[in-house]
Full PDB file with SEQRES, HELIX, SHEET, SSBOND, CRYST1, ORIGX, SCALE, CONECT and MASTER records, all heavy atoms in Angstrom:
SEQRES   1 A   31  PHE LEU LEU ARG ARG ASN ARG ILE MET LYS VAL LEU SER          
SEQRES   2 A   31  SER CYS SER SER GLY ARG LEU LEU GLU ILE GLY CYS GLY          
SEQRES   3 A   31  ALA GLY THR ILE ILE                                          
HELIX    1 AA1 LEU A    2  LEU A   12  1                                  11    
CRYST1    1.000    1.000    1.000  90.00  90.00  90.00 P 1           1          
ORIGX1      1.000000  0.000000  0.000000        0.00000                         
ORIGX2      0.000000  1.000000  0.000000        0.00000                         
ORIGX3      0.000000  0.000000  1.000000        0.00000                         
SCALE1      1.000000  0.000000  0.000000        0.00000                         
SCALE2      0.000000  1.000000  0.000000        0.00000                         
SCALE3      0.000000  0.000000  1.000000        0.00000                         
ATOM      1  N   PHE A   1      -7.943   0.476  36.043  1.00  0.00           N  
ATOM      2  CA  PHE A   1      -7.772   1.000  34.688  1.00  0.00           C  
ATOM      3  C   PHE A   1      -6.697   2.081  34.671  1.00  0.00           C  
ATOM      4  O   PHE A   1      -5.863   2.140  33.753  1.00  0.00           O  
ATOM      5  CB  PHE A   1      -9.099   1.568  34.178  1.00  0.00           C  
ATOM      6  CG  PHE A   1      -8.996   2.255  32.846  1.00  0.00           C  
ATOM      7  CD1 PHE A   1      -9.192   1.549  31.677  1.00  0.00           C  
ATOM      8  CD2 PHE A   1      -8.713   3.615  32.765  1.00  0.00           C  
ATOM      9  CE1 PHE A   1      -9.095   2.187  30.434  1.00  0.00           C  
ATOM     10  CE2 PHE A   1      -8.606   4.256  31.539  1.00  0.00           C  
ATOM     11  CZ  PHE A   1      -8.805   3.542  30.368  1.00  0.00           C  
ATOM     12  N   LEU A   2      -6.699   2.948  35.675  1.00  0.00           N  
ATOM     13  CA  LEU A   2      -5.724   4.045  35.716  1.00  0.00           C  
ATOM     14  C   LEU A   2      -4.300   3.522  35.891  1.00  0.00           C  
ATOM     15  O   LEU A   2      -3.365   4.068  35.296  1.00  0.00           O  
ATOM     16  CB  LEU A   2      -6.077   5.007  36.853  1.00  0.00           C  
ATOM     17  CG  LEU A   2      -7.395   5.759  36.672  1.00  0.00           C  
ATOM     18  CD1 LEU A   2      -7.711   6.582  37.914  1.00  0.00           C  
ATOM     19  CD2 LEU A   2      -7.348   6.659  35.439  1.00  0.00           C  
ATOM     20  N   LEU A   3      -4.119   2.479  36.686  1.00  0.00           N  
ATOM     21  CA  LEU A   3      -2.793   1.870  36.834  1.00  0.00           C  
ATOM     22  C   LEU A   3      -2.310   1.303  35.503  1.00  0.00           C  
ATOM     23  O   LEU A   3      -1.139   1.447  35.131  1.00  0.00           O  
ATOM     24  CB  LEU A   3      -2.836   0.775  37.891  1.00  0.00           C  
ATOM     25  CG  LEU A   3      -3.030   1.263  39.334  1.00  0.00           C  
ATOM     26  CD1 LEU A   3      -3.423   0.103  40.241  1.00  0.00           C  
ATOM     27  CD2 LEU A   3      -1.783   1.958  39.861  1.00  0.00           C  
ATOM     28  N   ARG A   4      -3.227   0.683  34.779  1.00  0.00           N  
ATOM     29  CA  ARG A   4      -2.884   0.120  33.466  1.00  0.00           C  
ATOM     30  C   ARG A   4      -2.634   1.234  32.446  1.00  0.00           C  
ATOM     31  O   ARG A   4      -1.674   1.177  31.675  1.00  0.00           O  
ATOM     32  CB  ARG A   4      -4.019  -0.790  33.010  1.00  0.00           C  
ATOM     33  CG  ARG A   4      -3.755  -1.562  31.747  1.00  0.00           C  
ATOM     34  CD  ARG A   4      -4.737  -2.702  31.603  1.00  0.00           C  
ATOM     35  NE  ARG A   4      -6.132  -2.294  31.581  1.00  0.00           N  
ATOM     36  CZ  ARG A   4      -6.997  -2.516  32.571  1.00  0.00           C  
ATOM     37  NH1 ARG A   4      -6.622  -3.125  33.674  1.00  0.00           N  
ATOM     38  NH2 ARG A   4      -8.254  -2.127  32.472  1.00  0.00           N  
ATOM     39  N   ARG A   5      -3.497   2.238  32.437  1.00  0.00           N  
ATOM     40  CA  ARG A   5      -3.326   3.361  31.508  1.00  0.00           C  
ATOM     41  C   ARG A   5      -1.970   4.038  31.716  1.00  0.00           C  
ATOM     42  O   ARG A   5      -1.320   4.462  30.751  1.00  0.00           O  
ATOM     43  CB  ARG A   5      -4.446   4.380  31.702  1.00  0.00           C  
ATOM     44  CG  ARG A   5      -4.274   5.641  30.845  1.00  0.00           C  
ATOM     45  CD  ARG A   5      -5.254   6.736  31.233  1.00  0.00           C  
ATOM     46  NE  ARG A   5      -4.924   7.965  30.541  1.00  0.00           N  
ATOM     47  CZ  ARG A   5      -4.042   8.865  30.963  1.00  0.00           C  
ATOM     48  NH1 ARG A   5      -3.376   8.649  32.103  1.00  0.00           N  
ATOM     49  NH2 ARG A   5      -3.795   9.958  30.270  1.00  0.00           N  
ATOM     50  N   ASN A   6      -1.539   4.145  32.954  1.00  0.00           N  
ATOM     51  CA  ASN A   6      -0.246   4.747  33.251  1.00  0.00           C  
ATOM     52  C   ASN A   6       0.875   4.033  32.518  1.00  0.00           C  
ATOM     53  O   ASN A   6       1.763   4.665  31.931  1.00  0.00           O  
ATOM     54  CB  ASN A   6      -0.015   4.713  34.766  1.00  0.00           C  
ATOM     55  CG  ASN A   6       1.337   5.246  35.173  1.00  0.00           C  
ATOM     56  OD1 ASN A   6       2.272   4.480  35.401  1.00  0.00           O  
ATOM     57  ND2 ASN A   6       1.458   6.555  35.271  1.00  0.00           N  
ATOM     58  N   ARG A   7       0.825   2.694  32.479  1.00  0.00           N  
ATOM     59  CA  ARG A   7       1.849   1.930  31.773  1.00  0.00           C  
ATOM     60  C   ARG A   7       1.684   2.048  30.257  1.00  0.00           C  
ATOM     61  O   ARG A   7       2.670   2.169  29.516  1.00  0.00           O  
ATOM     62  CB  ARG A   7       1.787   0.446  32.173  1.00  0.00           C  
ATOM     63  CG  ARG A   7       2.051   0.173  33.638  1.00  0.00           C  
ATOM     64  CD  ARG A   7       3.315   0.845  34.138  1.00  0.00           C  
ATOM     65  NE  ARG A   7       4.472   0.542  33.304  1.00  0.00           N  
ATOM     66  CZ  ARG A   7       5.509   1.360  33.139  1.00  0.00           C  
ATOM     67  NH1 ARG A   7       5.538   2.557  33.691  1.00  0.00           N  
ATOM     68  NH2 ARG A   7       6.525   0.978  32.392  1.00  0.00           N  
ATOM     69  N   ILE A   8       0.459   2.029  29.782  1.00  0.00           N  
ATOM     70  CA  ILE A   8       0.202   2.138  28.343  1.00  0.00           C  
ATOM     71  C   ILE A   8       0.785   3.436  27.800  1.00  0.00           C  
ATOM     72  O   ILE A   8       1.502   3.450  26.789  1.00  0.00           O  
ATOM     73  CB  ILE A   8      -1.316   2.078  28.061  1.00  0.00           C  
ATOM     74  CG1 ILE A   8      -1.881   0.704  28.425  1.00  0.00           C  
ATOM     75  CG2 ILE A   8      -1.599   2.389  26.587  1.00  0.00           C  
ATOM     76  CD1 ILE A   8      -3.415   0.660  28.457  1.00  0.00           C  
ATOM     77  N   MET A   9       0.483   4.536  28.460  1.00  0.00           N  
ATOM     78  CA  MET A   9       0.918   5.838  27.957  1.00  0.00           C  
ATOM     79  C   MET A   9       2.432   6.012  28.066  1.00  0.00           C  
ATOM     80  O   MET A   9       3.063   6.595  27.178  1.00  0.00           O  
ATOM     81  CB  MET A   9       0.185   6.957  28.698  1.00  0.00           C  
ATOM     82  CG  MET A   9      -1.314   6.985  28.409  1.00  0.00           C  
ATOM     83  SD  MET A   9      -1.651   7.085  26.625  1.00  0.00           S  
ATOM     84  CE  MET A   9      -3.407   6.756  26.587  1.00  0.00           C  
ATOM     85  N   LYS A  10       3.027   5.494  29.132  1.00  0.00           N  
ATOM     86  CA  LYS A  10       4.481   5.611  29.269  1.00  0.00           C  
ATOM     87  C   LYS A  10       5.201   4.811  28.192  1.00  0.00           C  
ATOM     88  O   LYS A  10       6.171   5.271  27.593  1.00  0.00           O  
ATOM     89  CB  LYS A  10       4.918   5.163  30.670  1.00  0.00           C  
ATOM     90  CG  LYS A  10       4.655   6.187  31.758  1.00  0.00           C  
ATOM     91  CD  LYS A  10       5.260   5.754  33.075  1.00  0.00           C  
ATOM     92  CE  LYS A  10       4.991   6.773  34.175  1.00  0.00           C  
ATOM     93  NZ  LYS A  10       5.623   8.081  33.875  1.00  0.00           N  
ATOM     94  N   VAL A  11       4.734   3.597  27.928  1.00  0.00           N  
ATOM     95  CA  VAL A  11       5.392   2.756  26.927  1.00  0.00           C  
ATOM     96  C   VAL A  11       5.182   3.309  25.521  1.00  0.00           C  
ATOM     97  O   VAL A  11       6.127   3.408  24.726  1.00  0.00           O  
ATOM     98  CB  VAL A  11       4.871   1.302  27.038  1.00  0.00           C  
ATOM     99  CG1 VAL A  11       5.301   0.479  25.831  1.00  0.00           C  
ATOM    100  CG2 VAL A  11       5.380   0.656  28.325  1.00  0.00           C  
ATOM    101  N   LEU A  12       3.970   3.714  25.209  1.00  0.00           N  
ATOM    102  CA  LEU A  12       3.702   4.200  23.859  1.00  0.00           C  
ATOM    103  C   LEU A  12       4.283   5.586  23.605  1.00  0.00           C  
ATOM    104  O   LEU A  12       4.456   5.982  22.455  1.00  0.00           O  
ATOM    105  CB  LEU A  12       2.200   4.190  23.582  1.00  0.00           C  
ATOM    106  CG  LEU A  12       1.676   2.807  23.168  1.00  0.00           C  
ATOM    107  CD1 LEU A  12       0.174   2.714  23.291  1.00  0.00           C  
ATOM    108  CD2 LEU A  12       2.108   2.469  21.747  1.00  0.00           C  
ATOM    109  N   SER A  13       4.604   6.315  24.664  1.00  0.00           N  
ATOM    110  CA  SER A  13       5.232   7.627  24.466  1.00  0.00           C  
ATOM    111  C   SER A  13       6.629   7.489  23.854  1.00  0.00           C  
ATOM    112  O   SER A  13       7.139   8.435  23.249  1.00  0.00           O  
ATOM    113  CB  SER A  13       5.316   8.385  25.794  1.00  0.00           C  
ATOM    114  OG  SER A  13       6.219   7.737  26.683  1.00  0.00           O  
ATOM    115  N   SER A  14       7.242   6.315  23.993  1.00  0.00           N  
ATOM    116  CA  SER A  14       8.573   6.086  23.424  1.00  0.00           C  
ATOM    117  C   SER A  14       8.509   5.357  22.085  1.00  0.00           C  
ATOM    118  O   SER A  14       9.548   5.020  21.517  1.00  0.00           O  
ATOM    119  CB  SER A  14       9.435   5.283  24.406  1.00  0.00           C  
ATOM    120  OG  SER A  14       8.873   4.000  24.633  1.00  0.00           O  
ATOM    121  N   CYS A  15       7.294   5.119  21.584  1.00  0.00           N  
ATOM    122  CA  CYS A  15       7.114   4.423  20.302  1.00  0.00           C  
ATOM    123  C   CYS A  15       6.808   5.436  19.203  1.00  0.00           C  
ATOM    124  O   CYS A  15       6.105   6.422  19.443  1.00  0.00           O  
ATOM    125  CB  CYS A  15       5.969   3.418  20.392  1.00  0.00           C  
ATOM    126  SG  CYS A  15       6.227   2.053  21.548  1.00  0.00           S  
ATOM    127  N   SER A  16       7.314   5.183  18.028  1.00  0.00           N  
ATOM    128  CA  SER A  16       6.992   6.047  16.897  1.00  0.00           C  
ATOM    129  C   SER A  16       5.545   5.840  16.499  1.00  0.00           C  
ATOM    130  O   SER A  16       4.993   4.737  16.657  1.00  0.00           O  
ATOM    131  CB  SER A  16       7.921   5.749  15.720  1.00  0.00           C  
ATOM    132  OG  SER A  16       7.822   4.392  15.345  1.00  0.00           O  
ATOM    133  N   SER A  17       4.901   6.872  15.990  1.00  0.00           N  
ATOM    134  CA  SER A  17       3.506   6.758  15.592  1.00  0.00           C  
ATOM    135  C   SER A  17       3.372   5.835  14.391  1.00  0.00           C  
ATOM    136  O   SER A  17       4.329   5.609  13.640  1.00  0.00           O  
ATOM    137  CB  SER A  17       2.923   8.136  15.280  1.00  0.00           C  
ATOM    138  OG  SER A  17       3.652   8.744  14.234  1.00  0.00           O  
ATOM    139  N   GLY A  18       2.194   5.282  14.217  1.00  0.00           N  
ATOM    140  CA  GLY A  18       1.941   4.375  13.107  1.00  0.00           C  
ATOM    141  C   GLY A  18       0.492   3.961  13.115  1.00  0.00           C  
ATOM    142  O   GLY A  18      -0.334   4.505  13.854  1.00  0.00           O  
ATOM    143  N   ARG A  19       0.160   2.972  12.302  1.00  0.00           N  
ATOM    144  CA  ARG A  19      -1.213   2.471  12.214  1.00  0.00           C  
ATOM    145  C   ARG A  19      -1.447   1.488  13.347  1.00  0.00           C  
ATOM    146  O   ARG A  19      -0.677   0.541  13.527  1.00  0.00           O  
ATOM    147  CB  ARG A  19      -1.440   1.809  10.861  1.00  0.00           C  
ATOM    148  CG  ARG A  19      -2.902   1.476  10.584  1.00  0.00           C  
ATOM    149  CD  ARG A  19      -3.076   0.920   9.193  1.00  0.00           C  
ATOM    150  NE  ARG A  19      -2.873   1.931   8.182  1.00  0.00           N  
ATOM    151  CZ  ARG A  19      -3.783   2.791   7.753  1.00  0.00           C  
ATOM    152  NH1 ARG A  19      -4.992   2.773   8.288  1.00  0.00           N  
ATOM    153  NH2 ARG A  19      -3.508   3.658   6.815  1.00  0.00           N  
ATOM    154  N   LEU A  20      -2.536   1.688  14.086  1.00  0.00           N  
ATOM    155  CA  LEU A  20      -2.753   0.979  15.348  1.00  0.00           C  
ATOM    156  C   LEU A  20      -4.171   0.428  15.409  1.00  0.00           C  
ATOM    157  O   LEU A  20      -5.133   1.108  15.042  1.00  0.00           O  
ATOM    158  CB  LEU A  20      -2.487   1.946  16.500  1.00  0.00           C  
ATOM    159  CG  LEU A  20      -2.647   1.504  17.949  1.00  0.00           C  
ATOM    160  CD1 LEU A  20      -1.712   2.319  18.858  1.00  0.00           C  
ATOM    161  CD2 LEU A  20      -4.097   1.680  18.434  1.00  0.00           C  
ATOM    162  N   LEU A  21      -4.291  -0.808  15.892  1.00  0.00           N  
ATOM    163  CA  LEU A  21      -5.588  -1.439  16.120  1.00  0.00           C  
ATOM    164  C   LEU A  21      -5.690  -1.818  17.586  1.00  0.00           C  
ATOM    165  O   LEU A  21      -4.807  -2.487  18.121  1.00  0.00           O  
ATOM    166  CB  LEU A  21      -5.723  -2.701  15.268  1.00  0.00           C  
ATOM    167  CG  LEU A  21      -6.966  -3.558  15.536  1.00  0.00           C  
ATOM    168  CD1 LEU A  21      -8.226  -2.865  15.049  1.00  0.00           C  
ATOM    169  CD2 LEU A  21      -6.829  -4.942  14.881  1.00  0.00           C  
ATOM    170  N   GLU A  22      -6.789  -1.402  18.238  1.00  0.00           N  
ATOM    171  CA  GLU A  22      -7.059  -1.893  19.588  1.00  0.00           C  
ATOM    172  C   GLU A  22      -8.183  -2.919  19.534  1.00  0.00           C  
ATOM    173  O   GLU A  22      -9.268  -2.649  18.998  1.00  0.00           O  
ATOM    174  CB  GLU A  22      -7.427  -0.778  20.560  1.00  0.00           C  
ATOM    175  CG  GLU A  22      -7.582  -1.330  21.979  1.00  0.00           C  
ATOM    176  CD  GLU A  22      -7.883  -0.317  23.052  1.00  0.00           C  
ATOM    177  OE1 GLU A  22      -8.065   0.873  22.732  1.00  0.00           O  
ATOM    178  OE2 GLU A  22      -7.953  -0.724  24.225  1.00  0.00           O  
ATOM    179  N   ILE A  23      -7.932  -4.077  20.112  1.00  0.00           N  
ATOM    180  CA  ILE A  23      -8.913  -5.157  20.185  1.00  0.00           C  
ATOM    181  C   ILE A  23      -9.628  -5.066  21.522  1.00  0.00           C  
ATOM    182  O   ILE A  23      -8.992  -5.014  22.576  1.00  0.00           O  
ATOM    183  CB  ILE A  23      -8.213  -6.520  20.051  1.00  0.00           C  
ATOM    184  CG1 ILE A  23      -7.478  -6.600  18.710  1.00  0.00           C  
ATOM    185  CG2 ILE A  23      -9.209  -7.655  20.190  1.00  0.00           C  
ATOM    186  CD1 ILE A  23      -6.460  -7.707  18.646  1.00  0.00           C  
ATOM    187  N   GLY A  24     -10.953  -5.027  21.478  1.00  0.00           N  
ATOM    188  CA  GLY A  24     -11.715  -4.915  22.717  1.00  0.00           C  
ATOM    189  C   GLY A  24     -11.490  -3.576  23.379  1.00  0.00           C  
ATOM    190  O   GLY A  24     -11.051  -3.508  24.527  1.00  0.00           O  
ATOM    191  N   CYS A  25     -11.824  -2.505  22.680  1.00  0.00           N  
ATOM    192  CA  CYS A  25     -11.454  -1.156  23.146  1.00  0.00           C  
ATOM    193  C   CYS A  25     -12.339  -0.629  24.262  1.00  0.00           C  
ATOM    194  O   CYS A  25     -12.066   0.434  24.814  1.00  0.00           O  
ATOM    195  CB  CYS A  25     -11.460  -0.178  21.977  1.00  0.00           C  
ATOM    196  SG  CYS A  25     -13.106   0.113  21.270  1.00  0.00           S  
ATOM    197  N   GLY A  26     -13.415  -1.347  24.623  1.00  0.00           N  
ATOM    198  CA  GLY A  26     -14.278  -0.863  25.689  1.00  0.00           C  
ATOM    199  C   GLY A  26     -14.870   0.495  25.349  1.00  0.00           C  
ATOM    200  O   GLY A  26     -15.444   0.686  24.277  1.00  0.00           O  
ATOM    201  N   ALA A  27     -14.698   1.452  26.236  1.00  0.00           N  
ATOM    202  CA  ALA A  27     -15.234   2.797  26.024  1.00  0.00           C  
ATOM    203  C   ALA A  27     -14.435   3.604  25.009  1.00  0.00           C  
ATOM    204  O   ALA A  27     -14.845   4.705  24.639  1.00  0.00           O  
ATOM    205  CB  ALA A  27     -15.290   3.545  27.351  1.00  0.00           C  
ATOM    206  N   GLY A  28     -13.285   3.098  24.574  1.00  0.00           N  
ATOM    207  CA  GLY A  28     -12.542   3.747  23.508  1.00  0.00           C  
ATOM    208  C   GLY A  28     -11.716   4.949  23.910  1.00  0.00           C  
ATOM    209  O   GLY A  28     -11.240   5.693  23.055  1.00  0.00           O  
ATOM    210  N   THR A  29     -11.489   5.122  25.205  1.00  0.00           N  
ATOM    211  CA  THR A  29     -10.759   6.315  25.644  1.00  0.00           C  
ATOM    212  C   THR A  29      -9.270   6.243  25.316  1.00  0.00           C  
ATOM    213  O   THR A  29      -8.634   7.272  25.079  1.00  0.00           O  
ATOM    214  CB  THR A  29     -10.942   6.540  27.154  1.00  0.00           C  
ATOM    215  OG1 THR A  29     -10.479   5.385  27.865  1.00  0.00           O  
ATOM    216  CG2 THR A  29     -12.409   6.776  27.489  1.00  0.00           C  
ATOM    217  N   ILE A  30      -8.702   5.030  25.303  1.00  0.00           N  
ATOM    218  CA  ILE A  30      -7.268   4.890  25.007  1.00  0.00           C  
ATOM    219  C   ILE A  30      -6.969   5.292  23.571  1.00  0.00           C  
ATOM    220  O   ILE A  30      -6.036   6.060  23.300  1.00  0.00           O  
ATOM    221  CB  ILE A  30      -6.800   3.443  25.280  1.00  0.00           C  
ATOM    222  CG1 ILE A  30      -6.881   3.111  26.773  1.00  0.00           C  
ATOM    223  CG2 ILE A  30      -5.365   3.245  24.764  1.00  0.00           C  
ATOM    224  CD1 ILE A  30      -5.974   3.917  27.662  1.00  0.00           C  
ATOM    225  N   ILE A  31      -7.760   4.791  22.603  1.00  0.00           N  
ATOM    226  CA  ILE A  31      -7.477   5.165  21.212  1.00  0.00           C  
ATOM    227  C   ILE A  31      -7.781   6.626  20.959  1.00  0.00           C  
ATOM    228  O   ILE A  31      -7.161   7.255  20.093  1.00  0.00           O  
ATOM    229  CB  ILE A  31      -8.210   4.260  20.197  1.00  0.00           C  
ATOM    230  CG1 ILE A  31      -9.719   4.255  20.432  1.00  0.00           C  
ATOM    231  CG2 ILE A  31      -7.635   2.861  20.211  1.00  0.00           C  
ATOM    232  CD1 ILE A  31     -10.485   3.587  19.302  1.00  0.00           C  
TER     233      ILE A  31                                                      
MASTER        0    0    0    1    0    0    0    6  232    1    0    3          
END                                                                             
């Protein structure tokens, strides 16, 4: 999970904010 989170946060750090939906959020820590 941490290896994946590392990529998620790096990629989204370069994206402008907006309305976001997570499908299958599990524990919900990413959102």
